[in-house]
Amino acid sequence: MSLKSKLSLAAAGLAMMVGAQPASAADEITVAYFLEWPMPFQYAKVEGLYEEALGVKINWVSFDTGTAMSAAMASGDVQIAVSQGVPPFVVAASAGQDLQIVDVAVSYSENDNCVVAEALEIDKESAKELEGKKVGVPIGTAAHYGFLKQMDHFGVDTGTLEIVDMAPADSAAAFAQGNLDMVCGWGGALRRMKEHGNILLTGAEKEELGILVFDVTSVPASFAAEEGELLSKFLKVTADANAMWNAGDKQAEMLPVIAKDAGMDEEATKATIDTFIFPSVEDQLDAKWLGGGAQSFMGGVAQVFRDAGSIPSALDSYDDAVDASYLDAASKL
């Protein structure tokens, strides 16, 4: 049986299991995601398995940054954001936007970083020489958080830097032209950045400093409250796609579909996705992630941003910004 058939049967089974329950009030939703950010859910996306399980039309819209996803959810244009970075989520939640994290989309400490222009010949031993340089950073994102933490670790006074708020794709292009001394980003843009420079710290070295890098699936709290059943179905399809990818034996079938949807060639897709970890539902519900770890981590992110003047204030607690009940419900479908 093909992978598509197996996932289709899973989606059909899910639809039958929830068929006796009240139908969703929504007949159409919009879901945000990133290009050049290959993930297993895209196989289910392309094959129409979400629509099959949810019974609604889904508009898939690509974004450049997680901050733009927050703005789209605030305006009501987007109901679900797949793989939003934790820092942009924290920025929005700290500003009072009523968002909730409902699952951990991906962990990727090796695929979000800052790159220094090769001509400068600056490495972790000489990082102080970055002072006075021009840096392209997508403000309010995971890359921005990592940048601030790294600069603090190296004792670099960020007040001396000329920091330009740029989406990774744009800063990668400017970096290639020699217009920036350092850039920060992720995915395909980070890969292009590395063609013209070097990183200061590896993913493992960053994790030792407490720089965790993971994305979440986030939603407006009002949407979750009104469409909890539909949301759980969505998370179930995502979890099934992740499980099949993690099993390994279906990757050859999934890879070309994911690559095309991500706007990448297969070689680049494989190189990128091999640096990703897709936690199981069981792991996500554990203390390391949605059972407390994510909430504590968000408090630390907020503190860093507040100290840097990037946000005016932080919440006393981010416990209410996480609701794992929809993922727990999905695990029982």
C-alpha atoms as a PDB file:
ATOM      1  CA  MET A   1       0.000   0.000   0.000  1.00  0.00           C
ATOM      2  CA  SER A   2       1.363   3.442  -0.900  1.00  0.00           C
ATOM      3  CA  LEU A   3       2.061   6.095   1.711  1.00  0.00           C
ATOM      4  CA  LYS A   4      -0.677   8.281   0.255  1.00  0.00           C
ATOM      5  CA  SER A   5      -3.135   5.419   0.650  1.00  0.00           C
ATOM      6  CA  LYS A   6      -2.099   4.834   4.251  1.00  0.00           C
ATOM      7  CA  LEU A   7      -2.410   8.487   5.164  1.00  0.00           C
ATOM      8  CA  SER A   8      -5.712   8.708   3.288  1.00  0.00           C
ATOM      9  CA  LEU A   9      -7.055   5.756   5.279  1.00  0.00           C
ATOM     10  CA  ALA A  10      -5.890   7.399   8.492  1.00  0.00           C
ATOM     11  CA  ALA A  11      -7.637  10.613   7.497  1.00  0.00           C
ATOM     12  CA  ALA A  12     -10.780   8.723   6.504  1.00  0.00           C
ATOM     13  CA  GLY A  13     -10.738   6.816   9.787  1.00  0.00           C
ATOM     14  CA  LEU A  14     -10.385  10.052  11.693  1.00  0.00           C
ATOM     15  CA  ALA A  15     -13.340  11.532   9.808  1.00  0.00           C
ATOM     16  CA  MET A  16     -15.467   8.477  10.661  1.00  0.00           C
ATOM     17  CA  MET A  17     -14.495   8.619  14.330  1.00  0.00           C
ATOM     18  CA  VAL A  18     -15.588  12.221  14.675  1.00  0.00           C
ATOM     19  CA  GLY A  19     -18.476  11.957  12.232  1.00  0.00           C
ATOM     20  CA  ALA A  20     -21.077  11.591  14.966  1.00  0.00           C
ATOM     21  CA  GLN A  21     -19.929  14.803  16.616  1.00  0.00           C
ATOM     22  CA  PRO A  22     -21.308  18.250  15.723  1.00  0.00           C
ATOM     23  CA  ALA A  23     -19.940  19.625  12.463  1.00  0.00           C
ATOM     24  CA  SER A  24     -17.480  22.505  12.571  1.00  0.00           C
ATOM     25  CA  ALA A  25     -18.986  25.954  12.227  1.00  0.00           C
ATOM     26  CA  ALA A  26     -16.120  26.913   9.927  1.00  0.00           C
ATOM     27  CA  ASP A  27     -16.353  26.007   6.258  1.00  0.00           C
ATOM     28  CA  GLU A  28     -12.982  27.505   5.346  1.00  0.00           C
ATOM     29  CA  ILE A  29      -9.731  28.271   7.195  1.00  0.00           C
ATOM     30  CA  THR A  30      -6.398  29.811   6.295  1.00  0.00           C
ATOM     31  CA  VAL A  31      -3.140  28.212   7.426  1.00  0.00           C
ATOM     32  CA  ALA A  32       0.237  29.971   7.431  1.00  0.00           C
ATOM     33  CA  TYR A  33       3.543  28.235   6.701  1.00  0.00           C
ATOM     34  CA  PHE A  34       7.065  28.974   5.419  1.00  0.00           C
ATOM     35  CA  LEU A  35       8.600  28.282   2.033  1.00  0.00           C
ATOM     36  CA  GLU A  36      12.111  26.777   2.020  1.00  0.00           C
ATOM     37  CA  TRP A  37      11.207  25.137   5.339  1.00  0.00           C
ATOM     38  CA  PRO A  38      10.528  21.485   4.441  1.00  0.00           C
ATOM     39  CA  MET A  39       8.397  19.489   6.853  1.00  0.00           C
ATOM     40  CA  PRO A  40       6.385  16.241   6.723  1.00  0.00           C
ATOM     41  CA  PHE A  41       3.053  18.063   7.007  1.00  0.00           C
ATOM     42  CA  GLN A  42       3.604  19.301   3.454  1.00  0.00           C
ATOM     43  CA  TYR A  43       3.105  15.796   2.095  1.00  0.00           C
ATOM     44  CA  ALA A  44      -0.338  15.702   3.704  1.00  0.00           C
ATOM     45  CA  LYS A  45      -0.924  19.276   2.510  1.00  0.00           C
ATOM     46  CA  VAL A  46      -0.197  18.464  -1.126  1.00  0.00           C
ATOM     47  CA  GLU A  47      -2.209  15.242  -1.087  1.00  0.00           C
ATOM     48  CA  GLY A  48      -5.274  16.994   0.347  1.00  0.00           C
ATOM     49  CA  LEU A  49      -5.321  14.910   3.499  1.00  0.00           C
ATOM     50  CA  TYR A  50      -6.091  17.849   5.767  1.00  0.00           C
ATOM     51  CA  GLU A  51      -9.204  18.729   3.800  1.00  0.00           C
ATOM     52  CA  GLU A  52     -10.205  15.075   3.802  1.00  0.00           C
ATOM     53  CA  ALA A  53      -9.964  14.835   7.588  1.00  0.00           C
ATOM     54  CA  LEU A  54     -11.320  18.277   8.475  1.00  0.00           C
ATOM     55  CA  GLY A  55     -14.054  18.553   5.870  1.00  0.00           C
ATOM     56  CA  VAL A  56     -13.342  22.228   5.202  1.00  0.00           C
ATOM     57  CA  LYS A  57     -11.541  24.211   2.519  1.00  0.00           C
ATOM     58  CA  ILE A  58      -7.996  25.173   3.525  1.00  0.00           C
ATOM     59  CA  ASN A  59      -6.171  28.170   2.089  1.00  0.00           C
ATOM     60  CA  TRP A  60      -2.424  27.711   2.514  1.00  0.00           C
ATOM     61  CA  VAL A  61      -0.500  31.007   2.600  1.00  0.00           C
ATOM     62  CA  SER A  62       3.300  31.326   2.833  1.00  0.00           C
ATOM     63  CA  PHE A  63       4.997  33.949   5.022  1.00  0.00           C
ATOM     64  CA  ASP A  64       8.532  35.308   5.392  1.00  0.00           C
ATOM     65  CA  THR A  65       8.626  35.655   9.184  1.00  0.00           C
ATOM     66  CA  GLY A  66       6.810  34.552  12.323  1.00  0.00           C
ATOM     67  CA  THR A  67       6.075  38.184  13.186  1.00  0.00           C
ATOM     68  CA  ALA A  68       4.073  38.463   9.970  1.00  0.00           C
ATOM     69  CA  MET A  69       2.179  35.324  11.012  1.00  0.00           C
ATOM     70  CA  SER A  70       1.257  36.978  14.317  1.00  0.00           C
ATOM     71  CA  ALA A  71      -0.030  40.061  12.497  1.00  0.00           C
ATOM     72  CA  ALA A  72      -2.127  37.891  10.167  1.00  0.00           C
ATOM     73  CA  MET A  73      -3.659  36.043  13.114  1.00  0.00           C
ATOM     74  CA  ALA A  74      -4.356  39.348  14.876  1.00  0.00           C
ATOM     75  CA  SER A  75      -6.259  40.615  11.830  1.00  0.00           C
ATOM     76  CA  GLY A  76      -8.255  37.406  11.557  1.00  0.00           C
ATOM     77  CA  ASP A  77      -6.743  36.503   8.185  1.00  0.00           C
ATOM     78  CA  VAL A  78      -5.034  33.345   9.506  1.00  0.00           C
ATOM     79  CA  GLN A  79      -6.460  30.731  11.863  1.00  0.00           C
ATOM     80  CA  ILE A  80      -3.476  28.361  12.219  1.00  0.00           C
ATOM     81  CA  ALA A  81       0.252  29.096  11.901  1.00  0.00           C
ATOM     82  CA  VAL A  82       2.478  26.074  11.319  1.00  0.00           C
ATOM     83  CA  SER A  83       6.060  26.350  12.498  1.00  0.00           C
ATOM     84  CA  GLN A  84       5.955  29.809  14.021  1.00  0.00           C
ATOM     85  CA  GLY A  85       9.135  30.582  15.930  1.00  0.00           C
ATOM     86  CA  VAL A  86       8.831  30.859  19.706  1.00  0.00           C
ATOM     87  CA  PRO A  87      10.367  34.376  19.901  1.00  0.00           C
ATOM     88  CA  PRO A  88       7.819  36.005  17.549  1.00  0.00           C
ATOM     89  CA  PHE A  89       5.089  34.191  19.462  1.00  0.00           C
ATOM     90  CA  VAL A  90       6.479  35.590  22.722  1.00  0.00           C
ATOM     91  CA  VAL A  91       6.638  39.107  21.281  1.00  0.00           C
ATOM     92  CA  ALA A  92       2.981  38.939  20.262  1.00  0.00           C
ATOM     93  CA  ALA A  93       1.809  37.341  23.519  1.00  0.00           C
ATOM     94  CA  SER A  94       3.778  39.874  25.563  1.00  0.00           C
ATOM     95  CA  ALA A  95       2.024  42.671  23.681  1.00  0.00           C
ATOM     96  CA  GLY A  96      -1.330  41.254  24.708  1.00  0.00           C
ATOM     97  CA  GLN A  97      -2.261  39.259  21.604  1.00  0.00           C
ATOM     98  CA  ASP A  98      -4.351  36.282  22.724  1.00  0.00           C
ATOM     99  CA  LEU A  99      -2.473  33.430  21.039  1.00  0.00           C
ATOM    100  CA  GLN A 100      -1.944  29.851  22.132  1.00  0.00           C
ATOM    101  CA  ILE A 101       0.702  27.241  21.366  1.00  0.00           C
ATOM    102  CA  VAL A 102      -0.959  23.916  20.585  1.00  0.00           C
ATOM    103  CA  ASP A 103       1.979  21.754  19.503  1.00  0.00           C
ATOM    104  CA  VAL A 104       5.732  21.679  18.937  1.00  0.00           C
ATOM    105  CA  ALA A 105       6.249  21.733  15.179  1.00  0.00           C
ATOM    106  CA  VAL A 106      10.003  21.175  14.925  1.00  0.00           C
ATOM    107  CA  SER A 107      13.287  21.512  16.835  1.00  0.00           C
ATOM    108  CA  TYR A 108      16.237  22.770  14.802  1.00  0.00           C
ATOM    109  CA  SER A 109      19.217  24.183  16.667  1.00  0.00           C
ATOM    110  CA  GLU A 110      21.462  23.567  13.632  1.00  0.00           C
ATOM    111  CA  ASN A 111      19.186  25.393  11.213  1.00  0.00           C
ATOM    112  CA  ASP A 112      18.911  28.859  12.714  1.00  0.00           C
ATOM    113  CA  ASN A 113      22.055  30.904  13.140  1.00  0.00           C
ATOM    114  CA  CYS A 114      24.103  34.004  12.414  1.00  0.00           C
ATOM    115  CA  VAL A 115      26.833  34.127   9.772  1.00  0.00           C
ATOM    116  CA  VAL A 116      29.839  36.485   9.668  1.00  0.00           C
ATOM    117  CA  ALA A 117      31.270  37.650   6.336  1.00  0.00           C
ATOM    118  CA  GLU A 118      34.293  35.570   5.407  1.00  0.00           C
ATOM    119  CA  ALA A 119      36.329  38.674   4.524  1.00  0.00           C
ATOM    120  CA  LEU A 120      36.255  39.789   8.167  1.00  0.00           C
ATOM    121  CA  GLU A 121      37.919  36.564   9.342  1.00  0.00           C
ATOM    122  CA  ILE A 122      36.061  36.799  12.660  1.00  0.00           C
ATOM    123  CA  ASP A 123      35.344  33.626  14.642  1.00  0.00           C
ATOM    124  CA  LYS A 124      34.275  32.855  18.212  1.00  0.00           C
ATOM    125  CA  GLU A 125      37.740  33.766  19.488  1.00  0.00           C
ATOM    126  CA  SER A 126      37.570  37.275  17.996  1.00  0.00           C
ATOM    127  CA  ALA A 127      33.825  37.983  18.120  1.00  0.00           C
ATOM    128  CA  LYS A 128      34.370  41.314  19.926  1.00  0.00           C
ATOM    129  CA  GLU A 129      35.599  42.648  16.586  1.00  0.00           C
ATOM    130  CA  LEU A 130      31.961  42.643  15.440  1.00  0.00           C
ATOM    131  CA  GLU A 131      31.393  45.884  17.341  1.00  0.00           C
ATOM    132  CA  GLY A 132      30.632  48.714  14.944  1.00  0.00           C
ATOM    133  CA  LYS A 133      29.552  46.347  12.175  1.00  0.00           C
ATOM    134  CA  LYS A 134      26.296  46.221  10.163  1.00  0.00           C
ATOM    135  CA  VAL A 135      23.991  43.275  10.836  1.00  0.00           C
ATOM    136  CA  GLY A 136      20.854  42.044   9.077  1.00  0.00           C
ATOM    137  CA  VAL A 137      18.443  40.486  11.603  1.00  0.00           C
ATOM    138  CA  PRO A 138      14.725  39.633  11.348  1.00  0.00           C
ATOM    139  CA  ILE A 139      13.587  41.448  14.495  1.00  0.00           C
ATOM    140  CA  GLY A 140      11.377  39.549  16.923  1.00  0.00           C
ATOM    141  CA  THR A 141      12.183  36.096  15.544  1.00  0.00           C
ATOM    142  CA  ALA A 142      14.092  33.039  16.755  1.00  0.00           C
ATOM    143  CA  ALA A 143      17.094  34.321  14.803  1.00  0.00           C
ATOM    144  CA  HIS A 144      16.898  37.641  16.666  1.00  0.00           C
ATOM    145  CA  TYR A 145      16.776  35.865  20.018  1.00  0.00           C
ATOM    146  CA  GLY A 146      19.760  33.710  19.085  1.00  0.00           C
ATOM    147  CA  PHE A 147      21.639  36.789  17.895  1.00  0.00           C
ATOM    148  CA  LEU A 148      21.070  38.615  21.195  1.00  0.00           C
ATOM    149  CA  LYS A 149      22.086  35.602  23.261  1.00  0.00           C
ATOM    150  CA  GLN A 150      25.250  35.054  21.225  1.00  0.00           C
ATOM    151  CA  MET A 151      26.260  38.709  21.398  1.00  0.00           C
ATOM    152  CA  ASP A 152      25.726  38.654  25.171  1.00  0.00           C
ATOM    153  CA  HIS A 153      27.842  35.500  25.442  1.00  0.00           C
ATOM    154  CA  PHE A 154      30.687  37.095  23.479  1.00  0.00           C
ATOM    155  CA  GLY A 155      30.402  40.430  25.301  1.00  0.00           C
ATOM    156  CA  VAL A 156      29.603  42.337  22.112  1.00  0.00           C
ATOM    157  CA  ASP A 157      27.925  45.689  22.796  1.00  0.00           C
ATOM    158  CA  THR A 158      24.885  45.605  20.507  1.00  0.00           C
ATOM    159  CA  GLY A 159      24.569  49.360  20.963  1.00  0.00           C
ATOM    160  CA  THR A 160      27.599  49.744  18.676  1.00  0.00           C
ATOM    161  CA  LEU A 161      26.035  47.663  15.909  1.00  0.00           C
ATOM    162  CA  GLU A 162      23.969  48.970  13.023  1.00  0.00           C
ATOM    163  CA  ILE A 163      21.085  46.494  13.156  1.00  0.00           C
ATOM    164  CA  VAL A 164      18.830  46.348  10.104  1.00  0.00           C
ATOM    165  CA  ASP A 165      15.477  44.551  10.339  1.00  0.00           C
ATOM    166  CA  MET A 166      15.455  42.252   7.301  1.00  0.00           C
ATOM    167  CA  ALA A 167      13.746  39.002   6.309  1.00  0.00           C
ATOM    168  CA  PRO A 168      16.375  36.239   5.914  1.00  0.00           C
ATOM    169  CA  ALA A 169      15.923  35.934   2.156  1.00  0.00           C
ATOM    170  CA  ASP A 170      16.582  39.660   1.727  1.00  0.00           C
ATOM    171  CA  SER A 171      19.559  39.768   4.069  1.00  0.00           C
ATOM    172  CA  ALA A 172      21.082  36.713   2.368  1.00  0.00           C
ATOM    173  CA  ALA A 173      20.985  38.565  -0.957  1.00  0.00           C
ATOM    174  CA  ALA A 174      22.486  41.727   0.568  1.00  0.00           C
ATOM    175  CA  PHE A 175      25.142  39.625   2.314  1.00  0.00           C
ATOM    176  CA  ALA A 176      26.144  38.013  -0.978  1.00  0.00           C
ATOM    177  CA  GLN A 177      26.649  41.511  -2.432  1.00  0.00           C
ATOM    178  CA  GLY A 178      28.889  42.489   0.479  1.00  0.00           C
ATOM    179  CA  ASN A 179      26.458  45.011   1.962  1.00  0.00           C
ATOM    180  CA  LEU A 180      26.248  43.423   5.415  1.00  0.00           C
ATOM    181  CA  ASP A 181      28.925  42.225   7.845  1.00  0.00           C
ATOM    182  CA  MET A 182      26.761  39.654   9.604  1.00  0.00           C
ATOM    183  CA  VAL A 183      23.330  38.160   8.932  1.00  0.00           C
ATOM    184  CA  CYS A 184      20.982  35.907  10.843  1.00  0.00           C
ATOM    185  CA  GLY A 185      18.351  33.561   9.501  1.00  0.00           C
ATOM    186  CA  TRP A 186      17.187  30.023   8.884  1.00  0.00           C
ATOM    187  CA  GLY A 187      16.410  27.419   6.250  1.00  0.00           C
ATOM    188  CA  GLY A 188      17.327  28.047   2.633  1.00  0.00           C
ATOM    189  CA  ALA A 189      18.394  31.604   3.393  1.00  0.00           C
ATOM    190  CA  LEU A 190      20.846  30.382   6.053  1.00  0.00           C
ATOM    191  CA  ARG A 191      22.277  27.898   3.584  1.00  0.00           C
ATOM    192  CA  ARG A 192      22.927  30.728   1.111  1.00  0.00           C
ATOM    193  CA  MET A 193      24.423  32.895   3.863  1.00  0.00           C
ATOM    194  CA  LYS A 194      26.958  30.186   4.673  1.00  0.00           C
ATOM    195  CA  GLU A 195      28.258  30.350   1.102  1.00  0.00           C
ATOM    196  CA  HIS A 196      29.744  33.749   1.975  1.00  0.00           C
ATOM    197  CA  GLY A 197      30.715  33.421   5.618  1.00  0.00           C
ATOM    198  CA  ASN A 198      31.029  31.376   8.784  1.00  0.00           C
ATOM    199  CA  ILE A 199      28.986  30.736  11.912  1.00  0.00           C
ATOM    200  CA  LEU A 200      30.290  31.597  15.364  1.00  0.00           C
ATOM    201  CA  LEU A 201      28.696  28.722  17.298  1.00  0.00           C
ATOM    202  CA  THR A 202      27.374  25.315  16.296  1.00  0.00           C
ATOM    203  CA  GLY A 203      23.891  24.173  17.242  1.00  0.00           C
ATOM    204  CA  ALA A 204      25.279  22.052  20.067  1.00  0.00           C
ATOM    205  CA  GLU A 205      27.316  24.985  21.394  1.00  0.00           C
ATOM    206  CA  LYS A 206      24.234  27.195  21.315  1.00  0.00           C
ATOM    207  CA  GLU A 207      22.194  24.623  23.234  1.00  0.00           C
ATOM    208  CA  GLU A 208      24.897  24.574  25.920  1.00  0.00           C
ATOM    209  CA  LEU A 209      24.207  28.302  26.356  1.00  0.00           C
ATOM    210  CA  GLY A 210      20.477  27.633  26.673  1.00  0.00           C
ATOM    211  CA  ILE A 211      19.673  28.790  23.141  1.00  0.00           C
ATOM    212  CA  LEU A 212      16.970  26.304  22.240  1.00  0.00           C
ATOM    213  CA  VAL A 213      15.510  26.689  18.765  1.00  0.00           C
ATOM    214  CA  PHE A 214      12.084  25.282  18.075  1.00  0.00           C
ATOM    215  CA  ASP A 215       8.898  26.257  16.296  1.00  0.00           C
ATOM    216  CA  VAL A 216       5.314  25.729  17.318  1.00  0.00           C
ATOM    217  CA  THR A 217       1.862  25.487  15.845  1.00  0.00           C
ATOM    218  CA  SER A 218       0.007  28.534  17.129  1.00  0.00           C
ATOM    219  CA  VAL A 219      -3.569  29.745  16.894  1.00  0.00           C
ATOM    220  CA  PRO A 220      -5.715  32.631  18.110  1.00  0.00           C
ATOM    221  CA  ALA A 221      -7.227  31.539  21.431  1.00  0.00           C
ATOM    222  CA  SER A 222     -10.692  32.433  20.153  1.00  0.00           C
ATOM    223  CA  PHE A 223     -10.326  30.072  17.195  1.00  0.00           C
ATOM    224  CA  ALA A 224      -9.191  27.226  19.465  1.00  0.00           C
ATOM    225  CA  ALA A 225     -12.151  27.781  21.786  1.00  0.00           C
ATOM    226  CA  GLU A 226     -14.653  27.854  18.931  1.00  0.00           C
ATOM    227  CA  GLU A 227     -13.108  25.165  16.726  1.00  0.00           C
ATOM    228  CA  GLY A 228     -11.370  22.808  19.141  1.00  0.00           C
ATOM    229  CA  GLU A 229     -12.573  19.680  17.353  1.00  0.00           C
ATOM    230  CA  LEU A 230     -11.360  20.912  13.982  1.00  0.00           C
ATOM    231  CA  LEU A 231      -8.017  21.947  15.493  1.00  0.00           C
ATOM    232  CA  SER A 232      -7.495  18.510  17.024  1.00  0.00           C
ATOM    233  CA  LYS A 233      -8.164  16.908  13.644  1.00  0.00           C
ATOM    234  CA  PHE A 234      -5.569  19.200  12.075  1.00  0.00           C
ATOM    235  CA  LEU A 235      -2.990  18.258  14.695  1.00  0.00           C
ATOM    236  CA  LYS A 236      -3.773  14.560  14.191  1.00  0.00           C
ATOM    237  CA  VAL A 237      -3.009  14.749  10.456  1.00  0.00           C
ATOM    238  CA  THR A 238       0.239  16.590  11.217  1.00  0.00           C
ATOM    239  CA  ALA A 239       1.230  14.020  13.844  1.00  0.00           C
ATOM    240  CA  ASP A 240       0.548  11.139  11.449  1.00  0.00           C
ATOM    241  CA  ALA A 241       2.703  12.737   8.749  1.00  0.00           C
ATOM    242  CA  ASN A 242       5.521  13.325  11.258  1.00  0.00           C
ATOM    243  CA  ALA A 243       5.311   9.736  12.491  1.00  0.00           C
ATOM    244  CA  MET A 244       5.578   8.350   8.970  1.00  0.00           C
ATOM    245  CA  TRP A 245       8.584  10.548   8.221  1.00  0.00           C
ATOM    246  CA  ASN A 246      10.250   9.579  11.503  1.00  0.00           C
ATOM    247  CA  ALA A 247       9.711   5.884  10.755  1.00  0.00           C
ATOM    248  CA  GLY A 248      12.142   6.285   7.852  1.00  0.00           C
ATOM    249  CA  ASP A 249      10.801   3.763   5.368  1.00  0.00           C
ATOM    250  CA  LYS A 250       8.533   6.242   3.552  1.00  0.00           C
ATOM    251  CA  GLN A 251      10.960   9.135   3.214  1.00  0.00           C
ATOM    252  CA  ALA A 252      11.831   8.369  -0.415  1.00  0.00           C
ATOM    253  CA  GLU A 253       8.158   8.722  -1.332  1.00  0.00           C
ATOM    254  CA  MET A 254       7.590  11.842   0.755  1.00  0.00           C
ATOM    255  CA  LEU A 255      10.779  13.758  -0.065  1.00  0.00           C
ATOM    256  CA  PRO A 256      10.062  14.834  -3.665  1.00  0.00           C
ATOM    257  CA  VAL A 257       6.556  15.980  -2.730  1.00  0.00           C
ATOM    258  CA  ILE A 258       7.835  17.981   0.230  1.00  0.00           C
ATOM    259  CA  ALA A 259      10.680  19.466  -1.806  1.00  0.00           C
ATOM    260  CA  LYS A 260       8.391  20.717  -4.554  1.00  0.00           C
ATOM    261  CA  ASP A 261       5.965  22.254  -2.086  1.00  0.00           C
ATOM    262  CA  ALA A 262       8.833  23.925  -0.197  1.00  0.00           C
ATOM    263  CA  GLY A 263      10.193  25.426  -3.412  1.00  0.00           C
ATOM    264  CA  MET A 264      13.489  23.546  -3.129  1.00  0.00           C
ATOM    265  CA  ASP A 265      15.390  20.831  -4.964  1.00  0.00           C
ATOM    266  CA  GLU A 266      15.530  17.395  -3.366  1.00  0.00           C
ATOM    267  CA  GLU A 267      19.186  17.595  -2.377  1.00  0.00           C
ATOM    268  CA  ALA A 268      18.711  20.871  -0.509  1.00  0.00           C
ATOM    269  CA  THR A 269      15.503  19.583   1.042  1.00  0.00           C
ATOM    270  CA  LYS A 270      17.212  16.458   2.357  1.00  0.00           C
ATOM    271  CA  ALA A 271      20.137  18.499   3.705  1.00  0.00           C
ATOM    272  CA  THR A 272      17.752  20.828   5.509  1.00  0.00           C
ATOM    273  CA  ILE A 273      15.246  18.336   6.877  1.00  0.00           C
ATOM    274  CA  ASP A 274      18.049  16.114   8.179  1.00  0.00           C
ATOM    275  CA  THR A 275      18.831  18.884  10.688  1.00  0.00           C
ATOM    276  CA  PHE A 276      15.236  18.856  11.969  1.00  0.00           C
ATOM    277  CA  ILE A 277      13.690  16.880  14.817  1.00  0.00           C
ATOM    278  CA  PHE A 278       9.933  16.286  14.802  1.00  0.00           C
ATOM    279  CA  PRO A 279       8.964  15.307  18.364  1.00  0.00           C
ATOM    280  CA  SER A 280       6.293  12.644  18.773  1.00  0.00           C
ATOM    281  CA  VAL A 281       2.988  13.584  20.392  1.00  0.00           C
ATOM    282  CA  GLU A 282       4.041  11.677  23.498  1.00  0.00           C
ATOM    283  CA  ASP A 283       7.288  13.653  23.703  1.00  0.00           C
ATOM    284  CA  GLN A 284       5.494  16.943  23.117  1.00  0.00           C
ATOM    285  CA  LEU A 285       3.151  16.312  26.018  1.00  0.00           C
ATOM    286  CA  ASP A 286       6.082  15.569  28.332  1.00  0.00           C
ATOM    287  CA  ALA A 287       7.676  18.041  30.760  1.00  0.00           C
ATOM    288  CA  LYS A 288      10.474  18.989  28.348  1.00  0.00           C
ATOM    289  CA  TRP A 289       8.013  20.570  25.943  1.00  0.00           C
ATOM    290  CA  LEU A 290       4.358  21.467  26.531  1.00  0.00           C
ATOM    291  CA  GLY A 291       4.318  20.006  30.031  1.00  0.00           C
ATOM    292  CA  GLY A 292       6.252  22.994  31.358  1.00  0.00           C
ATOM    293  CA  GLY A 293       9.521  23.364  29.476  1.00  0.00           C
ATOM    294  CA  ALA A 294       8.146  25.536  26.681  1.00  0.00           C
ATOM    295  CA  GLN A 295       6.413  27.844  29.151  1.00  0.00           C
ATOM    296  CA  SER A 296       9.607  28.355  31.157  1.00  0.00           C
ATOM    297  CA  PHE A 297      11.647  28.898  28.016  1.00  0.00           C
ATOM    298  CA  MET A 298       9.242  31.595  26.831  1.00  0.00           C
ATOM    299  CA  GLY A 299       9.759  33.440  30.088  1.00  0.00           C
ATOM    300  CA  GLY A 300      13.505  33.447  29.419  1.00  0.00           C
ATOM    301  CA  VAL A 301      13.020  34.658  25.847  1.00  0.00           C
ATOM    302  CA  ALA A 302      10.790  37.485  27.064  1.00  0.00           C
ATOM    303  CA  GLN A 303      13.418  38.518  29.617  1.00  0.00           C
ATOM    304  CA  VAL A 304      16.125  38.701  26.938  1.00  0.00           C
ATOM    305  CA  PHE A 305      13.918  40.779  24.637  1.00  0.00           C
ATOM    306  CA  ARG A 306      12.873  43.079  27.475  1.00  0.00           C
ATOM    307  CA  ASP A 307      16.464  43.614  28.585  1.00  0.00           C
ATOM    308  CA  ALA A 308      17.405  44.421  24.984  1.00  0.00           C
ATOM    309  CA  GLY A 309      14.567  46.930  24.713  1.00  0.00           C
ATOM    310  CA  SER A 310      12.852  44.915  21.987  1.00  0.00           C
ATOM    311  CA  ILE A 311       9.618  44.663  23.995  1.00  0.00           C
ATOM    312  CA  PRO A 312       8.392  47.069  26.684  1.00  0.00           C
ATOM    313  CA  SER A 313       7.279  44.385  29.128  1.00  0.00           C
ATOM    314  CA  ALA A 314       6.847  40.667  29.668  1.00  0.00           C
ATOM    315  CA  LEU A 315       4.055  38.573  31.123  1.00  0.00           C
ATOM    316  CA  ASP A 316       4.393  37.306  34.682  1.00  0.00           C
ATOM    317  CA  SER A 317       3.833  33.794  33.331  1.00  0.00           C
ATOM    318  CA  TYR A 318       3.396  32.203  29.902  1.00  0.00           C
ATOM    319  CA  ASP A 319       1.504  29.188  31.235  1.00  0.00           C
ATOM    320  CA  ASP A 320      -1.778  30.402  29.739  1.00  0.00           C
ATOM    321  CA  ALA A 321      -0.118  30.795  26.341  1.00  0.00           C
ATOM    322  CA  VAL A 322       0.116  26.999  26.000  1.00  0.00           C
ATOM    323  CA  ASP A 323      -2.856  24.655  25.701  1.00  0.00           C
ATOM    324  CA  ALA A 324      -1.915  21.038  25.075  1.00  0.00           C
ATOM    325  CA  SER A 325      -5.492  19.779  25.399  1.00  0.00           C
ATOM    326  CA  TYR A 326      -6.074  19.859  21.640  1.00  0.00           C
ATOM    327  CA  LEU A 327      -2.960  17.781  20.992  1.00  0.00           C
ATOM    328  CA  ASP A 328      -3.962  15.403  23.760  1.00  0.00           C
ATOM    329  CA  ALA A 329      -7.378  15.054  22.132  1.00  0.00           C
ATOM    330  CA  ALA A 330      -5.686  14.437  18.776  1.00  0.00           C
ATOM    331  CA  SER A 331      -3.698  11.567  20.308  1.00  0.00           C
ATOM    332  CA  LYS A 332      -6.944   9.835  21.175  1.00  0.00           C
ATOM    333  CA  LEU A 333      -8.477  10.086  17.686  1.00  0.00           C
END
